[in-house]
Structure formats: C-alpha cells, structure tokens
Protein backbone atom coordinates (compact mmCIF):
# COMPACT_ATOMS: atom_id res chain seq x y z
CA MET A 1 16.04 -32.20 40.30
CA ALA A 2 13.58 -32.42 37.42
CA GLY A 3 9.79 -33.04 37.84
CA ILE A 4 6.84 -33.96 35.66
CA ILE A 5 3.44 -32.37 36.04
CA LYS A 6 0.56 -34.22 34.29
CA VAL A 7 -2.67 -32.30 33.69
CA ASN A 8 -5.16 -32.01 30.84
CA GLN A 9 -6.36 -28.44 31.48
CA TYR A 10 -4.65 -25.20 32.56
CA GLN A 11 -6.71 -22.42 34.07
CA ASP A 12 -6.10 -18.92 35.31
CA PHE A 13 -6.96 -17.78 38.83
CA ASN A 14 -10.53 -16.90 37.76
CA GLY A 15 -11.13 -20.39 36.35
CA ASN A 16 -10.82 -19.41 32.71
CA THR A 17 -9.28 -22.20 30.57
CA LEU A 18 -5.96 -21.13 29.07
CA PHE A 19 -5.39 -24.44 27.14
CA THR A 20 -6.18 -28.08 27.23
CA SER A 21 -4.48 -31.30 26.13
CA ASP A 22 -6.13 -34.36 24.55
CA GLY A 23 -3.63 -36.70 26.18
CA ASN A 24 -1.79 -37.29 22.93
CA GLY A 25 0.28 -34.11 22.97
CA ASN A 26 -2.27 -32.00 21.08
CA LEU A 27 -3.02 -28.65 22.70
CA THR A 28 -6.16 -26.58 22.22
CA THR A 29 -5.58 -22.93 23.17
CA MET A 30 -7.96 -20.19 23.99
CA LYS A 31 -8.93 -18.15 20.96
CA ASN A 32 -6.50 -15.25 21.35
CA ASN A 33 -6.39 -14.35 17.67
CA TYR A 34 -10.19 -14.21 17.22
CA PRO A 35 -12.11 -12.68 15.57
CA ALA A 36 -10.31 -13.53 12.41
CA PHE A 37 -11.27 -13.89 8.71
CA ASN A 38 -9.77 -14.33 5.26
CA ALA A 39 -11.75 -13.54 2.11
CA TYR A 40 -10.98 -13.30 -1.58
CA ALA A 41 -12.67 -12.21 -4.82
CA SER A 42 -13.94 -15.33 -6.65
CA SER A 43 -14.12 -13.46 -9.97
CA ASN A 44 -12.68 -10.39 -11.58
CA ILE A 45 -13.80 -6.96 -10.35
CA THR A 46 -14.06 -4.08 -12.79
CA VAL A 47 -12.35 -1.00 -11.44
CA SER A 48 -14.46 2.15 -11.75
CA GLY A 49 -12.05 4.13 -14.06
CA ASN A 50 -8.67 5.71 -14.54
CA ASN A 51 -7.64 7.30 -11.15
CA VAL A 52 -10.88 6.47 -9.44
CA SER A 53 -10.84 4.51 -6.23
CA THR A 54 -12.99 1.41 -6.27
CA LEU A 55 -14.22 -0.48 -3.15
CA LEU A 56 -13.12 -4.08 -3.33
CA ILE A 57 -15.72 -6.51 -2.16
CA PHE A 58 -14.19 -9.93 -1.50
CA ASP A 59 -17.16 -12.15 -1.95
CA THR A 60 -15.92 -15.48 -0.64
CA GLU A 61 -14.61 -16.45 2.70
CA ASP A 62 -12.07 -19.10 3.53
CA PHE A 63 -13.01 -18.65 7.18
CA ASP A 64 -14.75 -16.05 9.35
CA GLU A 65 -14.35 -16.70 13.11
CA GLY A 66 -16.68 -14.32 14.84
CA SER A 67 -18.74 -13.34 11.75
CA CYS A 68 -16.87 -10.07 11.40
CA TYR A 69 -16.57 -9.76 7.54
CA ASP A 70 -19.54 -8.93 5.39
CA THR A 71 -19.24 -10.45 1.84
CA SER A 72 -21.95 -8.07 0.53
CA THR A 73 -20.46 -4.76 1.74
CA GLY A 74 -16.70 -5.56 1.91
CA LYS A 75 -16.55 -4.35 5.52
CA PHE A 76 -14.56 -5.94 8.34
CA GLN A 77 -16.22 -4.95 11.58
CA PRO A 78 -15.17 -6.93 14.65
CA GLN A 79 -17.27 -6.72 17.83
CA THR A 80 -14.19 -7.32 20.02
CA ALA A 81 -11.95 -4.32 20.88
CA GLY A 82 -8.23 -4.70 20.33
CA LYS A 83 -5.33 -4.48 17.95
CA TYR A 84 -5.70 -6.24 14.62
CA PHE A 85 -3.25 -7.31 11.98
CA VAL A 86 -5.02 -6.31 8.76
CA TYR A 87 -3.69 -7.41 5.32
CA ALA A 88 -4.86 -7.14 1.72
CA GLY A 89 -3.62 -7.67 -1.82
CA TRP A 90 -4.87 -7.48 -5.36
CA LYS A 91 -3.61 -8.42 -8.74
CA ALA A 92 -4.20 -6.11 -11.73
CA ASN A 93 -5.25 -7.19 -15.21
CA ASP A 94 -3.59 -5.10 -17.91
CA SER A 95 -5.79 -4.00 -20.81
CA SER A 96 -2.94 -2.74 -23.09
CA SER A 97 0.76 -2.35 -23.27
CA THR A 98 1.24 1.09 -21.59
CA ASP A 99 3.24 1.68 -18.50
CA SER A 100 0.96 2.36 -15.56
CA ALA A 101 0.59 2.34 -11.76
CA ILE A 102 -1.71 0.62 -9.26
CA SER A 103 -2.63 1.59 -5.69
CA LEU A 104 -4.05 -0.18 -2.63
CA TYR A 105 -5.78 1.81 0.14
CA ILE A 106 -6.82 0.62 3.60
CA TYR A 107 -9.57 2.71 5.06
CA LYS A 108 -10.78 2.77 8.65
CA ASN A 109 -14.22 4.38 9.30
CA ALA A 110 -14.14 5.76 5.74
CA SER A 111 -10.71 7.55 6.36
CA LEU A 112 -7.50 6.55 4.66
CA ILE A 113 -5.00 4.99 7.00
CA LEU A 114 -2.59 3.41 4.53
CA GLN A 115 -1.77 3.90 0.87
CA HIS A 116 0.68 1.96 -1.29
CA GLN A 117 1.34 2.45 -5.06
CA ILE A 118 3.64 0.66 -7.39
CA GLY A 119 4.58 1.58 -10.99
CA THR A 120 4.36 -1.10 -13.51
CA ASP A 121 5.86 -2.03 -16.90
CA ALA A 122 3.81 -2.73 -20.04
CA ASP A 123 2.28 -6.17 -20.38
CA TYR A 124 2.75 -6.94 -16.70
CA PHE A 125 0.20 -8.30 -14.19
CA PRO A 126 1.43 -6.91 -10.88
CA THR A 127 0.12 -7.87 -7.41
CA ILE A 128 0.20 -5.25 -4.73
CA ALA A 129 -0.06 -6.09 -1.04
CA ARG A 130 0.05 -4.27 2.19
CA GLU A 131 -0.59 -4.94 5.92
CA LYS A 132 -1.05 -2.71 9.01
CA ILE A 133 -1.72 -3.08 12.69
CA VAL A 134 -5.00 -1.21 13.52
CA GLU A 135 -6.66 -0.41 16.83
CA MET A 136 -10.32 -1.24 16.71
CA ASN A 137 -13.01 -0.25 19.26
CA GLY A 138 -15.08 -3.34 18.83
CA SER A 139 -18.35 -1.76 18.30
CA THR A 140 -18.44 0.77 15.40
CA ASP A 141 -15.02 0.69 13.75
CA PHE A 142 -14.70 -0.90 10.30
CA ILE A 143 -12.10 -1.57 7.61
CA GLU A 144 -12.49 -1.42 3.89
CA ILE A 145 -10.07 -1.98 0.99
CA TYR A 146 -9.87 0.16 -2.17
CA ALA A 147 -8.02 -0.16 -5.46
CA ARG A 148 -7.04 2.41 -7.96
CA TYR A 149 -5.21 2.33 -11.19
CA ARG A 150 -3.61 4.82 -13.58
CA ASN A 151 -3.70 4.14 -17.37
CA ASP A 152 -4.61 0.69 -18.48
CA TYR A 153 -5.39 -1.58 -15.64
CA ASN A 154 -9.19 -1.97 -15.68
CA GLU A 155 -9.70 -5.11 -13.59
CA VAL A 156 -8.80 -6.72 -10.35
CA VAL A 157 -8.10 -10.40 -10.97
CA GLY A 158 -10.25 -12.57 -8.73
CA SER A 159 -8.50 -15.63 -7.27
CA THR A 160 -7.69 -17.19 -3.92
CA SER A 161 -3.99 -16.44 -4.21
CA SER A 162 -3.83 -12.83 -5.61
CA THR A 163 -6.85 -10.89 -4.48
CA TYR A 164 -7.50 -11.25 -0.77
CA PHE A 165 -8.34 -9.39 2.42
CA GLY A 166 -8.08 -10.69 6.04
CA ALA A 167 -7.47 -9.70 9.63
CA TYR A 168 -6.95 -11.23 12.97
CA ARG A 169 -6.90 -9.89 16.61
CA ILE A 170 -3.32 -9.79 18.06
CA GLY A 171 -4.08 -8.35 21.46
CA SER A 172 -6.09 -5.91 23.54
C-alpha cells in the first residue's frame, strides 16, 4: 500500500528546519555546505622570483557565504569548525621558451599541507590545480595558497577560469 505525505517543512526533534518546499517542488535545504566561498585573481599576479614561493591573493569573489575569505590578505578563515573541501588552481604565463616547472602549495596556519608540481614544455601556458579535505577548528585555523615557478614563468594569469581558490564545509 502506497501513501502520500504532504508537508511544506521538515524539522528534526529539536525543531530545527531540515528543508522546506515552496509547493511547486522546489526545496530549500539547510546550509550544510556553509561557510563557502570562491574567489579569483582579476588581473595577473607577478611571482616573486625564480624558486621563490609567492602568496596568491585572489582579489575578487564570486560568492562568500559566511564572510570567511579576505580579498586583501588571501586568507580563508571560517568561523565554523568542520571538514572543508579546499581547492585552488593557477595558470602560468611563460616569459620565454625554456622548459620549466610550476608548483602550487596549500598552507594551513603557515604550514605546508599539500604541494603539487608539474614540469612544462617551452611556450606552454600550463594550469595547475589541486584540492584537499582539511579539518578546521573554526576559530583560528586559516588556509593560504602559494605559487612557485622554476625558470621562466614570471606571472600568474588572472582570470575567472584559470586562477581560483575556494572552499566549502562538507561536515563536522
């Protein structure tokens, strides 16, 4: 025997709304994946020098639910404890035709937690991207992204599609 239950709001035993319906089949869920942000570099960023790590400051936000990303410092610092899916990518701008390498670093509280490097061919504009699940305490933990090049890449190309940094909460 099948049955139909019609409601517009579902709550847990403590009265917290889990999700609602507008009556047209559109659901609004609680904000499980917040805080969340996505930012990008609106213009090219000059990398400090050959084999020198440079903090990337992504100066433009697509969104920032929870005001957890600072466009002036490049820090992601959520005020909600939990596990976060953190991702970043940057595109290199080649200044000559020499083979080279580029690296992307994810730092938590000024300590390296992920490094990725790729070798490149001459006259190539590579994009490097990485992601990591990171436990954050919700009060003092912060994440920053760094770039490094070897040989001829002297700029990070600023654009919405190739130089970005974001994160969202996936659970407690």
